[in-house]
């Protein structure tokens, strides 16, 4: 089970989006969660903004979504089908 996350792309570059990544990662860490890149090592700015948050159950998924949906750096987040 996992939550998929798309971060906002700041000015269309991977480097500029790292600020969003760091801020969202810190927010998730505060909730006891961790996010991982869906496409590690990519230089494509649209793929670099895609992440996953592994969750063990629905309660943890709900907690992740609550953190993510209220964050300025998140374009969208949802439970993977």
N, C-alpha and C. Protein backbone atom coordinates (compact mmCIF):
# COMPACT_ATOMS: atom_id res chain seq x y z
N UNK A 1 0.86 -1.17 0.00
CA UNK A 1 0.00 0.00 0.00
C UNK A 1 0.91 1.23 0.00
N UNK A 2 0.56 2.23 -0.82
CA UNK A 2 1.35 3.44 -0.86
C UNK A 2 0.52 4.63 -1.28
N UNK A 3 1.00 5.80 -0.90
CA UNK A 3 0.41 7.07 -1.32
C UNK A 3 1.32 7.65 -2.38
N UNK A 4 0.75 8.04 -3.50
CA UNK A 4 1.51 8.69 -4.56
C UNK A 4 1.44 10.20 -4.37
N UNK A 5 2.58 10.86 -4.62
CA UNK A 5 2.68 12.30 -4.41
C UNK A 5 3.28 12.96 -5.64
N UNK A 6 2.68 14.05 -6.07
CA UNK A 6 3.28 14.89 -7.11
C UNK A 6 3.55 16.24 -6.48
N UNK A 7 4.84 16.61 -6.42
CA UNK A 7 5.21 17.91 -5.89
C UNK A 7 5.00 18.98 -6.95
N UNK A 8 4.85 20.20 -6.51
CA UNK A 8 4.80 21.32 -7.46
C UNK A 8 6.18 21.46 -8.07
N UNK A 9 6.24 21.87 -9.33
CA UNK A 9 7.51 22.09 -10.01
C UNK A 9 7.79 23.58 -9.97
N UNK A 10 8.79 23.95 -9.20
CA UNK A 10 9.17 25.36 -9.07
C UNK A 10 10.00 25.77 -10.27
N UNK A 11 9.53 26.69 -11.03
CA UNK A 11 10.20 27.25 -12.22
C UNK A 11 10.66 26.20 -13.22
N UNK A 12 10.08 25.01 -13.18
CA UNK A 12 10.34 24.00 -14.20
C UNK A 12 11.69 23.32 -14.16
N UNK A 13 12.44 23.45 -13.06
CA UNK A 13 13.74 22.79 -13.00
C UNK A 13 13.80 21.84 -11.81
N UNK A 14 14.60 20.82 -11.94
CA UNK A 14 14.78 19.86 -10.86
C UNK A 14 15.38 20.55 -9.64
N UNK A 15 16.39 21.37 -9.86
CA UNK A 15 17.07 22.04 -8.75
C UNK A 15 16.13 22.93 -7.96
N UNK A 16 15.28 23.66 -8.64
CA UNK A 16 14.34 24.56 -7.95
C UNK A 16 13.30 23.78 -7.16
N UNK A 17 12.98 22.58 -7.59
CA UNK A 17 11.97 21.77 -6.90
C UNK A 17 12.50 21.11 -5.64
N UNK A 18 13.82 21.11 -5.45
CA UNK A 18 14.40 20.47 -4.27
C UNK A 18 13.92 21.12 -2.98
N UNK A 19 13.61 22.41 -3.02
CA UNK A 19 13.08 23.08 -1.83
C UNK A 19 11.75 22.49 -1.42
N UNK A 20 10.88 22.24 -2.38
CA UNK A 20 9.59 21.60 -2.09
C UNK A 20 9.82 20.20 -1.54
N UNK A 21 10.72 19.47 -2.16
CA UNK A 21 10.99 18.10 -1.73
C UNK A 21 11.43 18.07 -0.27
N UNK A 22 12.35 18.93 0.08
CA UNK A 22 12.86 18.98 1.44
C UNK A 22 11.77 19.34 2.44
N UNK A 23 10.94 20.32 2.11
CA UNK A 23 9.88 20.76 3.01
C UNK A 23 8.83 19.67 3.21
N UNK A 24 8.44 19.00 2.14
CA UNK A 24 7.43 17.94 2.24
C UNK A 24 8.01 16.74 2.99
N UNK A 25 9.27 16.42 2.71
CA UNK A 25 9.91 15.31 3.40
C UNK A 25 9.97 15.57 4.91
N UNK A 26 10.26 16.80 5.30
CA UNK A 26 10.30 17.15 6.72
C UNK A 26 8.93 17.02 7.37
N UNK A 27 7.89 17.45 6.66
CA UNK A 27 6.53 17.35 7.19
C UNK A 27 6.14 15.89 7.39
N UNK A 28 6.47 15.03 6.43
CA UNK A 28 6.16 13.61 6.55
C UNK A 28 6.96 12.97 7.68
N UNK A 29 8.21 13.37 7.82
CA UNK A 29 9.06 12.81 8.88
C UNK A 29 8.45 13.11 10.25
N UNK A 30 7.88 14.30 10.39
CA UNK A 30 7.21 14.66 11.64
C UNK A 30 6.02 13.77 11.95
N UNK A 31 5.46 13.15 10.92
CA UNK A 31 4.33 12.23 11.10
C UNK A 31 4.79 10.77 11.13
N UNK A 32 6.12 10.57 11.15
CA UNK A 32 6.65 9.21 11.19
C UNK A 32 6.64 8.49 9.86
N UNK A 33 6.63 9.25 8.76
CA UNK A 33 6.56 8.67 7.42
C UNK A 33 7.75 9.13 6.58
N UNK A 34 8.01 8.43 5.49
CA UNK A 34 9.12 8.77 4.61
C UNK A 34 8.67 8.64 3.17
N UNK A 35 9.16 9.56 2.32
CA UNK A 35 8.83 9.46 0.90
C UNK A 35 10.08 9.11 0.10
N UNK A 36 9.83 8.44 -1.02
CA UNK A 36 10.89 7.96 -1.89
C UNK A 36 10.57 8.39 -3.32
N UNK A 37 11.60 8.70 -4.13
CA UNK A 37 11.35 9.06 -5.52
C UNK A 37 10.78 7.88 -6.31
N UNK A 38 9.86 8.16 -7.20
CA UNK A 38 9.33 7.11 -8.07
C UNK A 38 10.29 6.84 -9.22
N UNK A 39 11.07 7.87 -9.59
CA UNK A 39 12.00 7.75 -10.72
C UNK A 39 13.39 8.26 -10.28
N UNK A 40 14.07 7.51 -9.41
CA UNK A 40 15.35 8.00 -8.90
C UNK A 40 16.36 8.29 -10.01
N UNK A 41 17.07 9.40 -9.87
CA UNK A 41 18.13 9.75 -10.81
C UNK A 41 17.68 10.46 -12.07
N UNK A 42 16.38 10.65 -12.26
CA UNK A 42 15.92 11.30 -13.49
C UNK A 42 16.29 12.78 -13.50
N UNK A 43 16.50 13.31 -14.68
CA UNK A 43 16.73 14.75 -14.85
C UNK A 43 15.51 15.43 -15.46
N UNK A 44 14.48 14.66 -15.73
CA UNK A 44 13.23 15.19 -16.27
C UNK A 44 12.45 15.83 -15.13
N UNK A 45 12.17 17.12 -15.21
CA UNK A 45 11.53 17.83 -14.11
C UNK A 45 10.13 17.31 -13.81
N UNK A 46 9.43 16.78 -14.80
CA UNK A 46 8.09 16.25 -14.54
C UNK A 46 8.15 14.89 -13.82
N UNK A 47 9.16 14.08 -14.10
CA UNK A 47 9.30 12.80 -13.42
C UNK A 47 9.95 12.96 -12.05
N UNK A 48 10.81 13.97 -11.91
CA UNK A 48 11.52 14.18 -10.64
C UNK A 48 10.58 14.64 -9.53
N UNK A 49 9.39 15.11 -9.87
CA UNK A 49 8.46 15.58 -8.85
C UNK A 49 7.50 14.48 -8.38
N UNK A 50 7.70 13.25 -8.83
CA UNK A 50 6.83 12.13 -8.45
C UNK A 50 7.47 11.30 -7.35
N UNK A 51 6.72 11.09 -6.26
CA UNK A 51 7.23 10.35 -5.11
C UNK A 51 6.18 9.35 -4.64
N UNK A 52 6.62 8.46 -3.75
CA UNK A 52 5.72 7.48 -3.13
C UNK A 52 5.99 7.46 -1.63
N UNK A 53 4.95 7.22 -0.88
CA UNK A 53 5.05 7.11 0.57
C UNK A 53 4.47 5.75 0.95
N UNK A 54 5.32 4.78 1.31
CA UNK A 54 4.81 3.48 1.72
C UNK A 54 4.03 3.61 3.04
N UNK A 55 2.88 2.97 3.09
CA UNK A 55 2.06 2.98 4.31
C UNK A 55 1.62 1.55 4.60
N UNK A 56 1.45 1.25 5.89
CA UNK A 56 1.12 -0.13 6.26
C UNK A 56 -0.38 -0.41 6.33
N UNK A 57 -1.18 0.65 6.52
CA UNK A 57 -2.62 0.44 6.63
C UNK A 57 -3.37 1.73 6.29
N UNK A 58 -4.69 1.66 6.32
CA UNK A 58 -5.51 2.80 5.94
C UNK A 58 -5.31 3.99 6.89
N UNK A 59 -5.12 3.71 8.17
CA UNK A 59 -4.91 4.80 9.14
C UNK A 59 -3.64 5.57 8.82
N UNK A 60 -2.58 4.86 8.46
CA UNK A 60 -1.33 5.51 8.11
C UNK A 60 -1.48 6.26 6.78
N UNK A 61 -2.23 5.70 5.85
CA UNK A 61 -2.49 6.38 4.58
C UNK A 61 -3.26 7.68 4.83
N UNK A 62 -4.25 7.62 5.70
CA UNK A 62 -5.02 8.83 6.02
C UNK A 62 -4.14 9.89 6.65
N UNK A 63 -3.22 9.47 7.52
CA UNK A 63 -2.30 10.41 8.16
C UNK A 63 -1.39 11.06 7.11
N UNK A 64 -0.87 10.26 6.18
CA UNK A 64 -0.01 10.78 5.11
C UNK A 64 -0.79 11.78 4.25
N UNK A 65 -1.99 11.42 3.88
CA UNK A 65 -2.80 12.30 3.03
C UNK A 65 -3.13 13.61 3.75
N UNK A 66 -3.37 13.54 5.04
CA UNK A 66 -3.66 14.75 5.79
C UNK A 66 -2.46 15.71 5.76
N UNK A 67 -1.26 15.17 5.93
CA UNK A 67 -0.04 15.99 5.88
C UNK A 67 0.15 16.55 4.47
N UNK A 68 0.00 15.70 3.47
CA UNK A 68 0.30 16.09 2.10
C UNK A 68 -0.71 17.06 1.51
N UNK A 69 -1.98 16.83 1.76
CA UNK A 69 -3.01 17.67 1.15
C UNK A 69 -3.00 19.09 1.70
N UNK A 70 -2.44 19.30 2.88
CA UNK A 70 -2.38 20.64 3.42
C UNK A 70 -1.06 21.34 3.17
N UNK A 71 -0.18 20.74 2.38
CA UNK A 71 1.17 21.29 2.18
C UNK A 71 1.25 22.11 0.89
N UNK A 72 1.89 23.27 0.98
CA UNK A 72 2.03 24.16 -0.18
C UNK A 72 2.87 23.56 -1.31
N UNK A 73 3.77 22.64 -0.99
CA UNK A 73 4.65 22.08 -2.00
C UNK A 73 4.05 20.91 -2.77
N UNK A 74 2.83 20.50 -2.44
CA UNK A 74 2.20 19.33 -3.06
C UNK A 74 1.18 19.75 -4.10
N UNK A 75 1.35 19.25 -5.30
CA UNK A 75 0.39 19.49 -6.38
C UNK A 75 -0.81 18.57 -6.20
N UNK A 76 -0.52 17.28 -5.93
CA UNK A 76 -1.61 16.31 -5.67
C UNK A 76 -1.06 15.09 -4.95
N UNK A 77 -1.95 14.44 -4.25
CA UNK A 77 -1.59 13.22 -3.52
C UNK A 77 -2.80 12.31 -3.47
N UNK A 78 -2.55 11.01 -3.54
CA UNK A 78 -3.65 10.07 -3.49
C UNK A 78 -3.17 8.66 -3.22
N UNK A 79 -4.05 7.85 -2.71
CA UNK A 79 -3.76 6.45 -2.43
C UNK A 79 -3.64 5.70 -3.75
N UNK A 80 -2.56 4.93 -3.90
CA UNK A 80 -2.36 4.15 -5.12
C UNK A 80 -3.41 3.06 -5.22
N UNK A 81 -3.88 2.83 -6.43
CA UNK A 81 -4.92 1.82 -6.65
C UNK A 81 -4.37 0.43 -6.57
